[in-house]
All heavy atoms as atom14 arrays in JSON, in Angstrom:
{
  "sequence": "GVSNPLGIMSEDASLQAGKVFLPAKKLLIHKPHLGFAYYT",
  "atom14_mask": [
    [1, 1, 1, 1, 0, 0, 0, 0, 0, 0, 0, 0, 0, 0],
    [1, 1, 1, 1, 1, 1, 1, 0, 0, 0, 0, 0, 0, 0],
    [1, 1, 1, 1, 1, 1, 0, 0, 0, 0, 0, 0, 0, 0],
    [1, 1, 1, 1, 1, 1, 1, 1, 0, 0, 0, 0, 0, 0],
    [1, 1, 1, 1, 1, 1, 1, 0, 0, 0, 0, 0, 0, 0],
    [1, 1, 1, 1, 1, 1, 1, 1, 0, 0, 0, 0, 0, 0],
    [1, 1, 1, 1, 0, 0, 0, 0, 0, 0, 0, 0, 0, 0],
    [1, 1, 1, 1, 1, 1, 1, 1, 0, 0, 0, 0, 0, 0],
    [1, 1, 1, 1, 1, 1, 1, 1, 0, 0, 0, 0, 0, 0],
    [1, 1, 1, 1, 1, 1, 0, 0, 0, 0, 0, 0, 0, 0],
    [1, 1, 1, 1, 1, 1, 1, 1, 1, 0, 0, 0, 0, 0],
    [1, 1, 1, 1, 1, 1, 1, 1, 0, 0, 0, 0, 0, 0],
    [1, 1, 1, 1, 1, 0, 0, 0, 0, 0, 0, 0, 0, 0],
    [1, 1, 1, 1, 1, 1, 0, 0, 0, 0, 0, 0, 0, 0],
    [1, 1, 1, 1, 1, 1, 1, 1, 0, 0, 0, 0, 0, 0],
    [1, 1, 1, 1, 1, 1, 1, 1, 1, 0, 0, 0, 0, 0],
    [1, 1, 1, 1, 1, 0, 0, 0, 0, 0, 0, 0, 0, 0],
    [1, 1, 1, 1, 0, 0, 0, 0, 0, 0, 0, 0, 0, 0],
    [1, 1, 1, 1, 1, 1, 1, 1, 1, 0, 0, 0, 0, 0],
    [1, 1, 1, 1, 1, 1, 1, 0, 0, 0, 0, 0, 0, 0],
    [1, 1, 1, 1, 1, 1, 1, 1, 1, 1, 1, 0, 0, 0],
    [1, 1, 1, 1, 1, 1, 1, 1, 0, 0, 0, 0, 0, 0],
    [1, 1, 1, 1, 1, 1, 1, 0, 0, 0, 0, 0, 0, 0],
    [1, 1, 1, 1, 1, 0, 0, 0, 0, 0, 0, 0, 0, 0],
    [1, 1, 1, 1, 1, 1, 1, 1, 1, 0, 0, 0, 0, 0],
    [1, 1, 1, 1, 1, 1, 1, 1, 1, 0, 0, 0, 0, 0],
    [1, 1, 1, 1, 1, 1, 1, 1, 0, 0, 0, 0, 0, 0],
    [1, 1, 1, 1, 1, 1, 1, 1, 0, 0, 0, 0, 0, 0],
    [1, 1, 1, 1, 1, 1, 1, 1, 0, 0, 0, 0, 0, 0],
    [1, 1, 1, 1, 1, 1, 1, 1, 1, 1, 0, 0, 0, 0],
    [1, 1, 1, 1, 1, 1, 1, 1, 1, 0, 0, 0, 0, 0],
    [1, 1, 1, 1, 1, 1, 1, 0, 0, 0, 0, 0, 0, 0],
    [1, 1, 1, 1, 1, 1, 1, 1, 1, 1, 0, 0, 0, 0],
    [1, 1, 1, 1, 1, 1, 1, 1, 0, 0, 0, 0, 0, 0],
    [1, 1, 1, 1, 0, 0, 0, 0, 0, 0, 0, 0, 0, 0],
    [1, 1, 1, 1, 1, 1, 1, 1, 1, 1, 1, 0, 0, 0],
    [1, 1, 1, 1, 1, 0, 0, 0, 0, 0, 0, 0, 0, 0],
    [1, 1, 1, 1, 1, 1, 1, 1, 1, 1, 1, 1, 0, 0],
    [1, 1, 1, 1, 1, 1, 1, 1, 1, 1, 1, 1, 0, 0],
    [1, 1, 1, 1, 1, 1, 1, 0, 0, 0, 0, 0, 0, 0]
  ],
  "atom14_positions": [
    [[0.81, -1.2, 0.0], [0.0, 0.0, 0.0], [0.85, 1.26, 0.0], [2.02, 1.25, 0.4], [0.0, 0.0, 0.0], [0.0, 0.0, 0.0], [0.0, 0.0, 0.0], [0.0, 0.0, 0.0], [0.0, 0.0, 0.0], [0.0, 0.0, 0.0], [0.0, 0.0, 0.0], [0.0, 0.0, 0.0], [0.0, 0.0, 0.0], [0.0, 0.0, 0.0]],
    [[0.28, 2.35, -0.48], [0.95, 3.65, -0.5], [0.08, 4.64, 0.25], [-1.15, 4.68, 0.06], [1.2, 4.14, -1.95], [1.81, 5.54, -1.95], [2.09, 3.16, -2.69], [0.0, 0.0, 0.0], [0.0, 0.0, 0.0], [0.0, 0.0, 0.0], [0.0, 0.0, 0.0], [0.0, 0.0, 0.0], [0.0, 0.0, 0.0], [0.0, 0.0, 0.0]],
    [[0.7, 5.44, 1.11], [-0.07, 6.31, 2.01], [-0.45, 7.63, 1.36], [-0.09, 8.69, 1.83], [0.73, 6.59, 3.28], [1.92, 7.29, 2.95], [0.0, 0.0, 0.0], [0.0, 0.0, 0.0], [0.0, 0.0, 0.0], [0.0, 0.0, 0.0], [0.0, 0.0, 0.0], [0.0, 0.0, 0.0], [0.0, 0.0, 0.0], [0.0, 0.0, 0.0]],
    [[-1.16, 7.55, 0.26], [-1.78, 8.75, -0.29], [-3.05, 8.33, -1.03], [-3.21, 7.16, -1.38], [-0.82, 9.54, -1.2], [-0.4, 8.76, -2.43], [-1.23, 8.25, -3.17], [0.9, 8.63, -2.64], [0.0, 0.0, 0.0], [0.0, 0.0, 0.0], [0.0, 0.0, 0.0], [0.0, 0.0, 0.0], [0.0, 0.0, 0.0], [0.0, 0.0, 0.0]],
    [[-3.98, 9.24, -1.24], [-5.29, 8.87, -1.81], [-5.21, 8.17, -3.16], [-6.02, 7.3, -3.46], [-6.02, 10.22, -1.92], [-5.37, 11.08, -0.89], [-3.93, 10.66, -0.86], [0.0, 0.0, 0.0], [0.0, 0.0, 0.0], [0.0, 0.0, 0.0], [0.0, 0.0, 0.0], [0.0, 0.0, 0.0], [0.0, 0.0, 0.0], [0.0, 0.0, 0.0]],
    [[-4.2, 8.53, -3.98], [-4.1, 7.93, -5.31], [-3.41, 6.57, -5.28], [-3.51, 5.8, -6.24], [-3.33, 8.88, -6.25], [-3.99, 10.23, -6.52], [-3.1, 11.08, -7.41], [-5.35, 10.03, -7.18], [0.0, 0.0, 0.0], [0.0, 0.0, 0.0], [0.0, 0.0, 0.0], [0.0, 0.0, 0.0], [0.0, 0.0, 0.0], [0.0, 0.0, 0.0]],
    [[-2.7, 6.28, -4.2], [-2.02, 5.0, -4.11], [-0.85, 4.86, -5.05], [-0.48, 3.75, -5.45], [0.0, 0.0, 0.0], [0.0, 0.0, 0.0], [0.0, 0.0, 0.0], [0.0, 0.0, 0.0], [0.0, 0.0, 0.0], [0.0, 0.0, 0.0], [0.0, 0.0, 0.0], [0.0, 0.0, 0.0], [0.0, 0.0, 0.0], [0.0, 0.0, 0.0]],
    [[-0.24, 5.98, -5.4], [0.89, 5.94, -6.32], [1.91, 7.0, -5.93], [1.55, 8.08, -5.45], [0.41, 6.14, -7.79], [1.51, 5.81, -8.78], [-0.11, 7.57, -7.99], [1.01, 5.72, -10.2], [0.0, 0.0, 0.0], [0.0, 0.0, 0.0], [0.0, 0.0, 0.0], [0.0, 0.0, 0.0], [0.0, 0.0, 0.0], [0.0, 0.0, 0.0]],
    [[3.18, 6.67, -6.12], [4.25, 7.6, -5.79], [4.8, 8.23, -7.06], [4.47, 7.81, -8.18], [5.37, 6.87, -5.04], [4.93, 6.24, -3.73], [6.3, 5.57, -2.74], [6.81, 4.17, -3.71], [0.0, 0.0, 0.0], [0.0, 0.0, 0.0], [0.0, 0.0, 0.0], [0.0, 0.0, 0.0], [0.0, 0.0, 0.0], [0.0, 0.0, 0.0]],
    [[5.65, 9.23, -6.91], [6.28, 9.85, -8.07], [7.18, 8.84, -8.77], [7.6, 7.82, -8.19], [7.1, 11.08, -7.65], [8.08, 10.71, -6.7], [0.0, 0.0, 0.0], [0.0, 0.0, 0.0], [0.0, 0.0, 0.0], [0.0, 0.0, 0.0], [0.0, 0.0, 0.0], [0.0, 0.0, 0.0], [0.0, 0.0, 0.0], [0.0, 0.0, 0.0]],
    [[7.49, 9.1, -10.01], [8.17, 8.11, -10.85], [9.53, 7.7, -10.32], [9.93, 6.55, -10.45], [8.31, 8.66, -12.28], [8.84, 7.64, -13.27], [8.7, 8.1, -14.7], [8.0, 9.09, -14.95], [9.29, 7.46, -15.58], [0.0, 0.0, 0.0], [0.0, 0.0, 0.0], [0.0, 0.0, 0.0], [0.0, 0.0, 0.0], [0.0, 0.0, 0.0]],
    [[10.27, 8.63, -9.73], [11.62, 8.33, -9.27], [11.67, 7.94, -7.79], [12.74, 7.89, -7.2], [12.54, 9.51, -9.53], [12.06, 10.8, -8.86], [10.93, 10.79, -8.33], [12.8, 11.79, -8.88], [0.0, 0.0, 0.0], [0.0, 0.0, 0.0], [0.0, 0.0, 0.0], [0.0, 0.0, 0.0], [0.0, 0.0, 0.0], [0.0, 0.0, 0.0]],
    [[10.53, 7.66, -7.17], [10.5, 7.34, -5.75], [10.77, 5.87, -5.45], [10.81, 5.47, -4.29], [9.15, 7.73, -5.15], [0.0, 0.0, 0.0], [0.0, 0.0, 0.0], [0.0, 0.0, 0.0], [0.0, 0.0, 0.0], [0.0, 0.0, 0.0], [0.0, 0.0, 0.0], [0.0, 0.0, 0.0], [0.0, 0.0, 0.0], [0.0, 0.0, 0.0]],
    [[10.95, 5.05, -6.5], [11.27, 3.63, -6.31], [11.87, 3.11, -7.6], [11.89, 3.8, -8.63], [10.02, 2.83, -5.93], [9.13, 2.75, -7.03], [0.0, 0.0, 0.0], [0.0, 0.0, 0.0], [0.0, 0.0, 0.0], [0.0, 0.0, 0.0], [0.0, 0.0, 0.0], [0.0, 0.0, 0.0], [0.0, 0.0, 0.0], [0.0, 0.0, 0.0]],
    [[12.34, 1.88, -7.55], [12.8, 1.23, -8.77], [11.62, 1.06, -9.73], [10.49, 0.81, -9.31], [13.39, -0.15, -8.46], [14.65, -0.21, -7.59], [15.04, -1.67, -7.36], [15.8, 0.54, -8.23], [0.0, 0.0, 0.0], [0.0, 0.0, 0.0], [0.0, 0.0, 0.0], [0.0, 0.0, 0.0], [0.0, 0.0, 0.0], [0.0, 0.0, 0.0]],
    [[11.89, 1.18, -11.02], [10.88, 0.95, -12.04], [11.25, -0.33, -12.79], [12.26, -0.36, -13.51], [10.81, 2.13, -13.02], [10.45, 3.46, -12.38], [9.05, 3.47, -11.83], [8.16, 2.79, -12.34], [8.83, 4.25, -10.77], [0.0, 0.0, 0.0], [0.0, 0.0, 0.0], [0.0, 0.0, 0.0], [0.0, 0.0, 0.0], [0.0, 0.0, 0.0]],
    [[10.48, -1.38, -12.6], [10.77, -2.67, -13.24], [9.97, -2.8, -14.53], [8.73, -2.75, -14.51], [10.43, -3.81, -12.29], [0.0, 0.0, 0.0], [0.0, 0.0, 0.0], [0.0, 0.0, 0.0], [0.0, 0.0, 0.0], [0.0, 0.0, 0.0], [0.0, 0.0, 0.0], [0.0, 0.0, 0.0], [0.0, 0.0, 0.0], [0.0, 0.0, 0.0]],
    [[10.69, -2.95, -15.63], [10.0, -3.16, -16.91], [9.55, -4.6, -17.07], [8.49, -4.86, -17.64], [0.0, 0.0, 0.0], [0.0, 0.0, 0.0], [0.0, 0.0, 0.0], [0.0, 0.0, 0.0], [0.0, 0.0, 0.0], [0.0, 0.0, 0.0], [0.0, 0.0, 0.0], [0.0, 0.0, 0.0], [0.0, 0.0, 0.0], [0.0, 0.0, 0.0]],
    [[10.36, -5.54, -16.55], [10.03, -6.96, -16.64], [10.33, -7.63, -15.31], [11.22, -7.2, -14.57], [10.83, -7.64, -17.75], [10.47, -7.2, -19.16], [11.27, -7.99, -20.2], [10.9, -7.56, -21.62], [11.68, -8.33, -22.63], [0.0, 0.0, 0.0], [0.0, 0.0, 0.0], [0.0, 0.0, 0.0], [0.0, 0.0, 0.0], [0.0, 0.0, 0.0]],
    [[9.6, -8.7, -15.03], [9.87, -9.53, -13.86], [10.06, -10.97, -14.34], [9.42, -11.41, -15.3], [8.74, -9.45, -12.82], [8.61, -8.04, -12.27], [7.41, -9.91, -13.41], [0.0, 0.0, 0.0], [0.0, 0.0, 0.0], [0.0, 0.0, 0.0], [0.0, 0.0, 0.0], [0.0, 0.0, 0.0], [0.0, 0.0, 0.0], [0.0, 0.0, 0.0]],
    [[10.96, -11.68, -13.67], [11.27, -13.05, -14.05], [10.94, -13.96, -12.86], [11.76, -14.16, -11.97], [12.74, -13.18, -14.45], [13.14, -12.22, -15.55], [13.67, -10.96, -15.24], [12.94, -12.55, -16.88], [14.02, -10.07, -16.24], [13.29, -11.67, -17.89], [13.83, -10.42, -17.58], [0.0, 0.0, 0.0], [0.0, 0.0, 0.0], [0.0, 0.0, 0.0]],
    [[9.72, -14.46, -12.86], [9.2, -15.21, -11.73], [9.69, -16.66, -11.74], [10.16, -17.16, -12.77], [7.67, -15.19, -11.76], [7.02, -13.8, -11.68], [5.51, -13.92, -11.76], [7.42, -13.08, -10.41], [0.0, 0.0, 0.0], [0.0, 0.0, 0.0], [0.0, 0.0, 0.0], [0.0, 0.0, 0.0], [0.0, 0.0, 0.0], [0.0, 0.0, 0.0]],
    [[9.58, -17.35, -10.6], [9.95, -18.77, -10.55], [9.05, -19.61, -11.45], [8.08, -19.13, -12.05], [9.76, -19.11, -9.07], [9.83, -17.82, -8.34], [9.24, -16.81, -9.28], [0.0, 0.0, 0.0], [0.0, 0.0, 0.0], [0.0, 0.0, 0.0], [0.0, 0.0, 0.0], [0.0, 0.0, 0.0], [0.0, 0.0, 0.0], [0.0, 0.0, 0.0]],
    [[9.35, -20.9, -11.5], [8.59, -21.84, -12.33], [7.1, -21.78, -11.98], [6.71, -21.63, -10.82], [9.12, -23.26, -12.13], [0.0, 0.0, 0.0], [0.0, 0.0, 0.0], [0.0, 0.0, 0.0], [0.0, 0.0, 0.0], [0.0, 0.0, 0.0], [0.0, 0.0, 0.0], [0.0, 0.0, 0.0], [0.0, 0.0, 0.0], [0.0, 0.0, 0.0]],
    [[6.25, -21.9, -13.01], [4.81, -21.76, -12.83], [4.24, -22.69, -11.78], [3.4, -22.3, -10.97], [4.12, -22.03, -14.17], [4.04, -20.84, -15.1], [2.96, -19.88, -14.61], [2.78, -18.73, -15.62], [1.77, -17.77, -15.12], [0.0, 0.0, 0.0], [0.0, 0.0, 0.0], [0.0, 0.0, 0.0], [0.0, 0.0, 0.0], [0.0, 0.0, 0.0]],
    [[4.69, -23.93, -11.77], [4.14, -24.9, -10.82], [4.43, -24.51, -9.37], [3.67, -24.89, -8.47], [4.71, -26.29, -11.11], [4.2, -26.91, -12.4], [4.74, -28.32, -12.58], [4.18, -28.96, -13.86], [4.7, -30.35, -14.04], [0.0, 0.0, 0.0], [0.0, 0.0, 0.0], [0.0, 0.0, 0.0], [0.0, 0.0, 0.0], [0.0, 0.0, 0.0]],
    [[5.51, -23.76, -9.17], [5.86, -23.36, -7.81], [4.98, -22.22, -7.31], [5.0, -21.89, -6.12], [7.33, -22.94, -7.74], [8.35, -23.98, -8.21], [9.77, -23.44, -8.06], [8.19, -25.29, -7.43], [0.0, 0.0, 0.0], [0.0, 0.0, 0.0], [0.0, 0.0, 0.0], [0.0, 0.0, 0.0], [0.0, 0.0, 0.0], [0.0, 0.0, 0.0]],
    [[4.2, -21.61, -8.21], [3.37, -20.47, -7.85], [1.91, -20.85, -7.61], [1.09, -19.98, -7.26], [3.44, -19.41, -8.95], [4.86, -18.93, -9.33], [4.78, -17.92, -10.47], [5.57, -18.35, -8.13], [0.0, 0.0, 0.0], [0.0, 0.0, 0.0], [0.0, 0.0, 0.0], [0.0, 0.0, 0.0], [0.0, 0.0, 0.0], [0.0, 0.0, 0.0]],
    [[1.6, -22.12, -7.78], [0.2, -22.56, -7.68], [-0.38, -22.24, -6.3], [-1.53, -21.78, -6.18], [0.09, -24.07, -7.97], [0.46, -24.34, -9.43], [-1.31, -24.57, -7.67], [0.5, -25.83, -9.77], [0.0, 0.0, 0.0], [0.0, 0.0, 0.0], [0.0, 0.0, 0.0], [0.0, 0.0, 0.0], [0.0, 0.0, 0.0], [0.0, 0.0, 0.0]],
    [[0.4, -22.46, -5.26], [-0.1, -22.27, -3.9], [0.24, -20.89, -3.33], [0.22, -20.71, -2.11], [0.45, -23.38, -3.0], [0.05, -24.76, -3.44], [-1.24, -25.24, -3.28], [0.76, -25.74, -4.07], [-1.3, -26.47, -3.77], [-0.11, -26.81, -4.25], [0.0, 0.0, 0.0], [0.0, 0.0, 0.0], [0.0, 0.0, 0.0], [0.0, 0.0, 0.0]],
    [[0.57, -19.98, -4.21], [0.78, -18.57, -3.85], [1.82, -18.36, -2.74], [1.5, -17.83, -1.66], [-0.53, -17.89, -3.46], [-1.58, -17.92, -4.55], [-2.79, -17.12, -4.19], [-3.87, -17.19, -5.26], [-3.4, -16.78, -6.6], [0.0, 0.0, 0.0], [0.0, 0.0, 0.0], [0.0, 0.0, 0.0], [0.0, 0.0, 0.0], [0.0, 0.0, 0.0]],
    [[3.05, -18.78, -2.97], [4.1, -18.48, -1.97], [4.41, -16.98, -1.98], [4.06, -16.26, -2.93], [5.29, -19.29, -2.48], [5.09, -19.34, -3.96], [3.61, -19.45, -4.16], [0.0, 0.0, 0.0], [0.0, 0.0, 0.0], [0.0, 0.0, 0.0], [0.0, 0.0, 0.0], [0.0, 0.0, 0.0], [0.0, 0.0, 0.0], [0.0, 0.0, 0.0]],
    [[5.04, -16.52, -0.93], [5.47, -15.12, -0.91], [6.58, -14.93, -1.94], [7.49, -15.76, -2.08], [6.0, -14.76, 0.48], [4.98, -14.92, 1.57], [4.0, -13.98, 1.81], [4.78, -15.91, 2.47], [3.25, -14.37, 2.82], [3.69, -15.55, 3.25], [0.0, 0.0, 0.0], [0.0, 0.0, 0.0], [0.0, 0.0, 0.0], [0.0, 0.0, 0.0]],
    [[6.5, -13.81, -2.65], [7.48, -13.51, -3.7], [8.11, -12.15, -3.42], [7.4, -11.15, -3.24], [6.81, -13.49, -5.09], [6.18, -14.81, -5.56], [5.42, -14.58, -6.86], [7.25, -15.87, -5.75], [0.0, 0.0, 0.0], [0.0, 0.0, 0.0], [0.0, 0.0, 0.0], [0.0, 0.0, 0.0], [0.0, 0.0, 0.0], [0.0, 0.0, 0.0]],
    [[9.43, -12.11, -3.39], [10.14, -10.85, -3.17], [11.26, -10.69, -4.18], [11.97, -11.65, -4.5], [0.0, 0.0, 0.0], [0.0, 0.0, 0.0], [0.0, 0.0, 0.0], [0.0, 0.0, 0.0], [0.0, 0.0, 0.0], [0.0, 0.0, 0.0], [0.0, 0.0, 0.0], [0.0, 0.0, 0.0], [0.0, 0.0, 0.0], [0.0, 0.0, 0.0]],
    [[11.41, -9.48, -4.69], [12.46, -9.27, -5.69], [13.83, -9.15, -5.02], [13.93, -8.83, -3.82], [12.17, -8.04, -6.54], [12.34, -6.72, -5.83], [13.56, -6.05, -5.82], [11.27, -6.14, -5.15], [13.72, -4.84, -5.18], [11.42, -4.92, -4.5], [12.64, -4.28, -4.51], [0.0, 0.0, 0.0], [0.0, 0.0, 0.0], [0.0, 0.0, 0.0]],
    [[14.85, -9.42, -5.79], [16.24, -9.3, -5.31], [16.99, -8.39, -6.27], [17.1, -8.68, -7.47], [16.9, -10.67, -5.24], [0.0, 0.0, 0.0], [0.0, 0.0, 0.0], [0.0, 0.0, 0.0], [0.0, 0.0, 0.0], [0.0, 0.0, 0.0], [0.0, 0.0, 0.0], [0.0, 0.0, 0.0], [0.0, 0.0, 0.0], [0.0, 0.0, 0.0]],
    [[17.48, -7.25, -5.73], [18.22, -6.3, -6.57], [19.2, -5.54, -5.68], [18.9, -5.27, -4.5], [17.25, -5.31, -7.25], [17.87, -4.57, -8.4], [17.98, -5.15, -9.65], [18.36, -3.27, -8.22], [18.57, -4.47, -10.72], [18.93, -2.58, -9.28], [19.04, -3.18, -10.51], [19.62, -2.5, -11.55], [0.0, 0.0, 0.0], [0.0, 0.0, 0.0]],
    [[20.36, -5.19, -6.24], [21.42, -4.56, -5.44], [21.91, -3.3, -6.14], [22.06, -3.26, -7.36], [22.58, -5.56, -5.24], [22.13, -6.86, -4.63], [21.77, -7.94, -5.44], [22.0, -7.0, -3.26], [21.31, -9.13, -4.89], [21.54, -8.18, -2.69], [21.2, -9.23, -3.52], [20.74, -10.41, -2.97], [0.0, 0.0, 0.0], [0.0, 0.0, 0.0]],
    [[22.16, -2.26, -5.34], [22.51, -0.95, -5.9], [23.73, -0.36, -5.19], [23.59, 0.49, -4.31], [21.32, 0.02, -5.75], [20.94, 0.06, -4.36], [20.13, -0.43, -6.57], [0.0, 0.0, 0.0], [0.0, 0.0, 0.0], [0.0, 0.0, 0.0], [0.0, 0.0, 0.0], [0.0, 0.0, 0.0], [0.0, 0.0, 0.0], [0.0, 0.0, 0.0]]
  ]
}
């Protein structure tokens, strides 16, 4: 969630991901928690 009425932040307030590369489809059937990994 974002703490403003529109629920959106300015463009440079976070990373902007054009694509995501999720785990194998079968591993997502039971909706495990998913977190991205990125280093800056």
